Protein backbone atom coordinates (compact mmCIF):
# COMPACT_ATOMS: atom_id res chain seq x y z
CA MET A 1 39.64 -125.91 -97.88
CA SER A 2 42.90 -126.97 -96.09
CA GLU A 3 45.90 -124.76 -95.83
CA ARG A 4 47.61 -127.53 -97.50
CA ALA A 5 45.55 -127.60 -100.47
CA ALA A 6 45.58 -123.76 -100.69
CA ARG A 7 49.42 -124.17 -101.17
CA PHE A 8 48.87 -126.26 -104.35
CA LEU A 9 48.43 -124.85 -107.42
CA SER A 10 47.16 -126.36 -110.72
CA ILE A 11 47.73 -124.85 -114.12
CA ILE A 12 45.99 -126.15 -117.07
CA GLY A 13 47.83 -125.22 -120.38
CA ALA A 14 51.44 -125.42 -120.66
CA GLY A 15 51.54 -122.83 -123.49
CA SER A 16 53.98 -119.81 -123.05
CA TRP A 17 51.42 -118.03 -120.68
CA GLY A 18 50.62 -121.05 -118.43
CA THR A 19 54.31 -121.85 -118.28
CA ALA A 20 55.06 -118.32 -117.33
CA LEU A 21 52.66 -118.35 -114.76
CA ALA A 22 53.88 -121.50 -113.35
CA ILE A 23 57.54 -119.97 -113.14
CA VAL A 24 56.48 -116.65 -111.72
CA LEU A 25 54.09 -118.27 -109.06
CA ALA A 26 56.38 -121.03 -107.98
CA PRO A 27 57.93 -119.25 -105.23
CA ARG A 28 54.60 -118.65 -103.81
CA PHE A 29 53.31 -122.32 -103.47
CA GLU A 30 54.78 -125.62 -102.23
CA ARG A 31 53.81 -127.15 -105.51
CA VAL A 32 52.63 -126.27 -108.97
CA ARG A 33 51.37 -129.05 -111.43
CA LEU A 34 51.42 -127.90 -114.94
CA TRP A 35 49.22 -129.84 -117.39
CA ALA A 36 50.12 -130.26 -121.00
CA ARG A 37 48.34 -132.32 -123.72
CA GLU A 38 51.29 -133.44 -125.26
CA THR A 39 53.10 -136.16 -123.45
CA ASP A 40 56.21 -136.02 -125.23
CA LEU A 41 56.59 -132.37 -124.22
CA VAL A 42 55.68 -133.24 -120.60
CA GLU A 43 58.69 -135.79 -120.71
CA ARG A 44 61.27 -133.43 -121.92
CA MET A 45 60.12 -130.81 -119.46
CA PHE A 46 60.68 -133.42 -116.67
CA ALA A 47 64.07 -134.33 -118.27
CA THR A 48 65.64 -130.70 -118.93
CA ARG A 49 63.20 -128.59 -116.67
CA VAL A 50 62.49 -126.52 -119.70
CA ASN A 51 59.56 -125.94 -122.01
CA ASP A 52 61.41 -125.96 -125.29
CA VAL A 53 58.45 -125.49 -127.46
CA PHE A 54 56.72 -122.79 -125.89
CA LEU A 55 59.10 -121.15 -123.40
CA PRO A 56 62.78 -122.35 -124.39
CA GLY A 57 65.49 -120.96 -122.30
CA LEU A 58 63.91 -120.37 -119.09
CA ALA A 59 64.24 -123.03 -116.36
CA LEU A 60 61.28 -124.41 -114.34
CA PRO A 61 61.80 -124.54 -110.78
CA LEU A 62 62.10 -127.80 -109.08
CA ASN A 63 58.57 -127.51 -107.46
CA ILE A 64 56.70 -127.45 -110.78
CA GLU A 65 55.47 -130.67 -111.74
CA PRO A 66 54.89 -131.13 -115.51
CA THR A 67 52.01 -133.61 -116.26
CA ALA A 68 49.68 -135.06 -118.90
CA ASP A 69 47.22 -136.49 -116.54
CA LEU A 70 44.37 -134.19 -116.16
CA GLY A 71 42.76 -135.81 -113.02
CA TYR A 72 46.42 -135.92 -111.42
CA ALA A 73 46.97 -132.21 -112.26
CA LEU A 74 43.81 -131.20 -110.51
CA GLN A 75 43.69 -133.44 -107.65
CA GLY A 76 43.81 -131.75 -104.37
CA ALA A 77 44.38 -128.47 -105.82
CA GLY A 78 43.35 -125.23 -103.92
CA ILE A 79 43.63 -122.84 -106.98
CA VAL A 80 43.12 -123.88 -110.72
CA ILE A 81 44.15 -121.62 -113.37
CA GLY A 82 43.07 -122.02 -116.79
CA ALA A 83 45.56 -120.92 -119.25
CA MET A 84 44.62 -122.84 -122.31
CA PRO A 85 43.79 -121.39 -125.89
CA SER A 86 40.26 -120.19 -126.22
CA ARG A 87 39.28 -122.78 -128.80
CA PHE A 88 39.98 -125.41 -126.35
CA THR A 89 38.38 -123.77 -123.27
CA ARG A 90 35.03 -125.67 -123.40
CA PRO A 91 36.04 -129.12 -124.09
CA LEU A 92 38.97 -128.72 -121.52
CA TYR A 93 36.50 -127.75 -118.84
CA ARG A 94 34.23 -130.48 -119.54
CA GLN A 95 37.19 -132.92 -119.33
CA MET A 96 38.12 -131.28 -116.00
CA LEU A 97 34.50 -131.44 -114.58
CA ALA A 98 34.89 -134.91 -112.73
CA TYR A 99 37.88 -133.40 -110.81
CA LEU A 100 36.50 -130.04 -109.76
CA SER A 101 34.90 -129.42 -106.52
CA PRO A 102 33.41 -126.49 -104.90
CA PRO A 103 36.08 -125.43 -102.58
CA MET A 104 38.39 -124.80 -105.39
CA ARG A 105 39.22 -121.23 -106.61
CA LEU A 106 39.21 -120.74 -110.41
CA VAL A 107 41.36 -118.11 -112.25
CA SER A 108 40.60 -117.80 -115.88
CA ALA A 109 43.61 -116.41 -117.72
CA THR A 110 42.62 -117.05 -121.27
CA LYS A 111 42.29 -114.08 -123.76
CA GLY A 112 39.42 -114.67 -126.18
CA LEU A 113 35.90 -115.14 -127.14
CA GLU A 114 34.25 -118.41 -127.89
CA GLN A 115 33.20 -118.93 -131.43
CA GLY A 116 29.62 -119.31 -132.14
CA THR A 117 28.22 -118.62 -128.53
CA LEU A 118 30.48 -115.22 -128.33
CA LEU A 119 30.92 -115.90 -124.52
CA ARG A 120 33.82 -114.72 -122.73
CA MET A 121 36.03 -117.34 -120.96
CA SER A 122 34.75 -117.00 -117.46
CA GLU A 123 31.38 -117.33 -118.88
CA VAL A 124 32.26 -120.51 -120.60
CA ALA A 125 33.83 -122.00 -117.32
CA ARG A 126 30.74 -121.05 -115.32
CA ALA A 127 28.43 -122.49 -118.06
CA VAL A 128 30.30 -125.98 -117.95
CA ILE A 129 31.25 -126.12 -114.19
CA GLY A 130 27.71 -124.78 -113.27
CA GLU A 131 26.09 -128.21 -114.49
CA LYS A 132 27.95 -129.45 -111.27
CA PHE A 133 28.19 -126.76 -108.78
CA GLU A 134 28.45 -122.97 -108.73
CA PRO A 135 32.02 -122.17 -109.33
CA ARG A 136 34.06 -119.30 -107.77
CA VAL A 137 35.72 -117.71 -110.76
CA CYS A 138 37.88 -114.62 -111.45
CA VAL A 139 39.69 -113.37 -114.30
CA LEU A 140 43.44 -112.56 -114.51
CA SER A 141 44.48 -110.09 -117.57
CA GLY A 142 46.92 -107.25 -118.10
CA PRO A 143 49.91 -106.15 -120.12
CA THR A 144 51.91 -109.32 -120.38
CA PHE A 145 54.47 -110.97 -122.49
CA ALA A 146 55.06 -114.33 -121.08
CA ARG A 147 58.69 -114.48 -121.62
CA GLU A 148 59.19 -111.14 -119.69
CA VAL A 149 57.01 -112.61 -116.91
CA ALA A 150 58.98 -115.53 -116.75
CA SER A 151 62.31 -113.74 -116.78
CA GLY A 152 61.20 -111.96 -113.66
CA GLU A 153 60.80 -108.32 -115.19
CA PRO A 154 58.25 -106.26 -113.06
CA THR A 155 54.79 -106.73 -114.35
CA ALA A 156 51.43 -105.44 -113.01
CA VAL A 157 48.23 -107.32 -113.82
CA VAL A 158 44.23 -107.26 -112.70
CA VAL A 159 42.65 -109.75 -111.14
CA ALA A 160 38.64 -109.16 -111.72
CA SER A 161 35.65 -110.46 -109.99
CA GLN A 162 32.52 -109.30 -108.53
CA ASP A 163 33.35 -111.74 -105.64
CA GLN A 164 35.69 -109.27 -103.98
CA GLU A 165 36.71 -111.64 -101.47
CA LEU A 166 37.84 -114.21 -104.16
CA ALA A 167 39.78 -111.48 -105.84
CA ILE A 168 41.64 -110.11 -103.05
CA SER A 169 42.36 -113.85 -101.85
CA ILE A 170 44.12 -114.18 -105.57
CA GLN A 171 45.74 -111.20 -105.09
CA ARG A 172 47.35 -111.84 -101.95
CA GLU A 173 48.56 -115.37 -102.97
CA PHE A 174 49.83 -114.22 -106.53
CA SER A 175 51.68 -110.93 -105.70
CA GLY A 176 55.40 -111.00 -105.21
CA PRO A 177 58.47 -109.16 -105.98
CA THR A 178 58.06 -109.04 -109.77
CA PHE A 179 54.29 -109.74 -109.95
CA ARG A 180 51.88 -107.29 -108.80
CA LEU A 181 48.33 -107.46 -108.85
CA TYR A 182 45.36 -105.05 -108.75
CA VAL A 183 41.93 -105.85 -107.63
CA ASN A 184 38.96 -105.08 -109.90
CA ASP A 185 35.23 -105.59 -109.83
CA ASP A 186 34.32 -105.62 -113.53
CA PRO A 187 35.38 -108.90 -115.12
CA VAL A 188 33.39 -107.88 -118.19
CA GLY A 189 35.25 -105.14 -119.11
CA VAL A 190 38.68 -106.93 -118.10
CA GLU A 191 37.90 -109.93 -120.32
CA LEU A 192 36.52 -107.52 -123.25
CA GLY A 193 39.48 -105.52 -123.26
CA ALA A 194 41.74 -108.55 -123.06
CA ALA A 195 40.02 -110.22 -126.17
CA LEU A 196 39.54 -107.12 -128.29
CA LYS A 197 43.17 -105.52 -127.80
CA ASN A 198 44.22 -108.54 -129.91
CA VAL A 199 42.12 -107.36 -133.02
CA ILE A 200 43.74 -103.96 -133.02
CA ALA A 201 47.20 -105.25 -132.49
CA ILE A 202 46.59 -107.00 -136.08
CA GLY A 203 46.11 -103.53 -137.32
CA ALA A 204 48.99 -102.31 -135.65
CA GLY A 205 51.04 -104.77 -137.45
CA ILE A 206 49.61 -104.12 -140.72
CA CYS A 207 50.50 -100.21 -140.30
CA ASP A 208 54.00 -101.34 -139.50
CA GLY A 209 54.37 -103.59 -142.48
CA LEU A 210 53.03 -100.92 -144.91
CA GLY A 211 55.56 -98.59 -143.61
CA LEU A 212 53.31 -96.24 -141.89
CA GLY A 213 54.56 -94.14 -138.92
CA SER A 214 53.92 -92.90 -135.43
CA ASN A 215 50.91 -90.80 -136.25
CA THR A 216 49.04 -93.79 -137.95
CA LEU A 217 49.99 -96.00 -135.01
CA ALA A 218 48.68 -93.38 -132.49
CA ALA A 219 45.45 -92.88 -134.17
CA LEU A 220 44.92 -96.49 -134.37
CA ILE A 221 45.58 -97.06 -130.69
CA THR A 222 43.33 -94.18 -129.77
CA ARG A 223 40.42 -94.93 -131.83
CA GLY A 224 40.69 -98.84 -131.27
CA LEU A 225 40.35 -97.90 -127.62
CA ALA A 226 37.41 -95.92 -128.37
CA GLU A 227 35.46 -98.83 -130.18
CA ILE A 228 36.52 -101.59 -127.57
CA THR A 229 35.00 -99.21 -124.87
CA ARG A 230 31.91 -98.68 -126.70
CA LEU A 231 31.40 -102.40 -127.06
CA ALA A 232 32.61 -103.22 -123.34
CA THR A 233 30.28 -100.54 -121.99
CA ALA A 234 27.34 -101.93 -124.12
CA LEU A 235 27.67 -105.36 -122.59
CA GLY A 236 27.95 -104.11 -119.03
CA GLY A 237 31.55 -103.22 -118.71
CA GLN A 238 32.97 -100.17 -116.80
CA SER A 239 34.84 -97.31 -119.01
CA LYS A 240 37.31 -96.81 -116.12
CA THR A 241 38.61 -100.42 -116.70
CA LEU A 242 39.41 -99.80 -120.15
CA SER A 243 41.51 -96.99 -119.20
CA GLY A 244 43.52 -99.14 -116.79
CA LEU A 245 45.76 -102.25 -117.08
CA ALA A 246 43.68 -104.64 -118.53
CA GLY A 247 42.31 -101.87 -121.34
CA LEU A 248 44.79 -99.42 -122.60
CA GLY A 249 47.90 -100.97 -120.82
CA ASP A 250 47.30 -104.36 -122.78
CA LEU A 251 46.66 -102.34 -126.03
CA VAL A 252 49.62 -100.33 -125.89
CA LEU A 253 51.85 -103.31 -125.23
CA THR A 254 50.16 -105.69 -127.99
CA CYS A 255 50.34 -102.97 -130.51
CA ASN A 256 53.82 -101.86 -129.96
CA GLY A 257 55.87 -105.12 -128.64
CA SER A 258 57.91 -107.23 -130.56
CA LEU A 259 56.85 -110.25 -128.97
CA SER A 260 53.18 -109.66 -129.96
CA ARG A 261 51.97 -112.66 -131.97
CA ASN A 262 48.76 -110.69 -133.21
CA ARG A 263 50.95 -107.93 -134.39
CA THR A 264 53.18 -110.33 -135.91
CA VAL A 265 50.27 -111.63 -138.04
CA GLY A 266 49.41 -108.18 -139.08
CA LEU A 267 53.03 -107.69 -140.45
CA GLU A 268 52.99 -110.69 -142.35
CA LEU A 269 49.56 -109.63 -143.93
CA ALA A 270 50.84 -106.47 -145.09
CA LYS A 271 53.70 -108.24 -146.80
CA GLY A 272 51.15 -110.21 -149.00
CA ARG A 273 51.23 -113.67 -147.13
CA ASN A 274 48.46 -115.77 -146.93
CA LEU A 275 46.55 -116.10 -143.75
CA ALA A 276 46.43 -119.80 -143.58
CA ASP A 277 50.13 -119.73 -144.29
CA ILE A 278 51.11 -117.18 -141.54
CA VAL A 279 49.11 -119.03 -138.93
CA GLY A 280 50.25 -122.48 -139.91
CA SER A 281 53.81 -121.25 -139.49
CA MET A 282 53.28 -120.14 -135.85
CA THR A 283 53.96 -122.22 -132.96
CA MET A 284 51.82 -120.49 -130.42
CA ILE A 285 48.31 -119.24 -131.42
CA ALA A 286 47.42 -115.50 -132.23
CA GLU A 287 44.07 -115.29 -130.64
CA GLY A 288 43.00 -112.15 -132.38
CA VAL A 289 42.33 -114.09 -135.63
CA GLU A 290 39.33 -115.83 -134.36
CA THR A 291 38.43 -113.10 -131.81
CA THR A 292 37.81 -110.76 -134.77
CA ALA A 293 34.69 -112.17 -136.30
CA ALA A 294 33.31 -112.90 -132.96
CA ALA A 295 33.76 -109.32 -131.78
CA CYS A 296 31.86 -107.98 -135.32
CA ASP A 297 29.18 -110.41 -134.49
CA LEU A 298 28.82 -109.07 -130.96
CA ALA A 299 29.11 -105.47 -132.22
CA ARG A 300 26.20 -106.16 -134.81
CA ARG A 301 24.09 -107.61 -132.19
CA ARG A 302 24.47 -104.64 -130.12
CA HIS A 303 24.35 -102.10 -132.98
CA ILE A 304 27.75 -100.64 -132.05
CA SER A 305 29.87 -99.16 -134.48
CA MET A 306 33.46 -100.75 -134.80
CA PRO A 307 35.02 -99.64 -138.15
CA ILE A 308 38.40 -100.74 -137.25
CA THR A 309 37.42 -104.28 -136.14
CA GLU A 310 35.20 -104.54 -139.20
CA GLN A 311 38.22 -103.71 -141.58
CA MET A 312 40.40 -106.22 -139.82
CA ASP A 313 37.66 -108.84 -140.39
CA ALA A 314 37.55 -108.14 -144.09
CA ILE A 315 41.41 -108.29 -144.23
CA LEU A 316 41.46 -111.56 -142.48
CA GLY A 317 38.60 -112.87 -144.52
CA GLY A 318 40.37 -112.00 -147.81
CA ARG A 319 37.81 -109.39 -148.94
CA ILE A 320 40.15 -106.28 -148.84
CA SER A 321 43.67 -105.66 -149.15
CA PRO A 322 45.61 -104.00 -146.16
CA ARG A 323 46.10 -100.75 -148.01
CA ASP A 324 42.64 -100.58 -149.31
CA ALA A 325 41.33 -101.08 -145.58
CA ILE A 326 43.36 -98.09 -144.61
CA ARG A 327 42.20 -95.97 -147.11
CA GLU A 328 38.52 -97.01 -146.43
CA LEU A 329 39.05 -96.02 -142.81
CA MET A 330 40.49 -92.54 -143.80
CA GLU A 331 37.57 -92.02 -146.17
CA ARG A 332 34.71 -92.72 -143.59
CA GLU A 333 32.00 -90.08 -143.25
CA LEU A 334 33.32 -86.99 -141.16
CA LYS A 335 32.19 -86.82 -137.47
CA ALA A 336 32.96 -85.34 -133.85
CA GLU A 337 35.41 -87.45 -131.71
């Protein structure tokens, strides 16, 4: 791969996270092509230098080139970031396949599990691209609110891959004054921590919406981390990963932060609003809504106890009220920690 190609970054997905990554990484690359499906959004980003739908008020540096042409977005890229919502990951990688080549380094920055297959996002990428060649894939995750990243607030994340040479190369190219990357060799733990913390964050919003206090939230976060760790380690992840940025760090942020979409879903559910109405009124996707059912399926397949996740699934499915779910959690059989 040429040095010139290495300095060209392609980001697939111009939601809040993809746009934030484009902004924070723009000083590190000669060119950044930011792909969006919506041609009208691309035209406005060109004209105003702002993503007025997903990240309003924050300017796009001049070396960011918005495009709705997927082939053009990928042509000649040295590094490709997948920042699309999880539900669109497989179909988008299929569309991308014709333009991908072995020298490209792929960074999966999507948090979630695929419905039906229960695959992690990097596994989806490998499954699709593997039909053509064996891709070099790493995972980017950690405690991040897109607006804060794009605003230049100091942020620490993890880049995970069993290919340490790949992870270190991304660490070096992405790290900057406000964006620090740590290398990790456990993509399983990183991706499951990233996906499952959204489920617990829905519960955090419910607790807040019901007027419950700090005691309840602390218990929820702690016991939520315990069940995330149980599932992640059963699937090959490392427990130490879940105590780091991609586990506890992301969980604390998403459960406490006012910018958390999943926490917002929980708040609205506690008010008695219908889930379809809540989701329909949101500009951006709350990944935890779809991840909850997938997490329950994974837990059942591995015979892992995940009581908080199960109650969140029951609430989202309309089978129990938020207040009754809290009561059932508290009245479970007593046991040692």
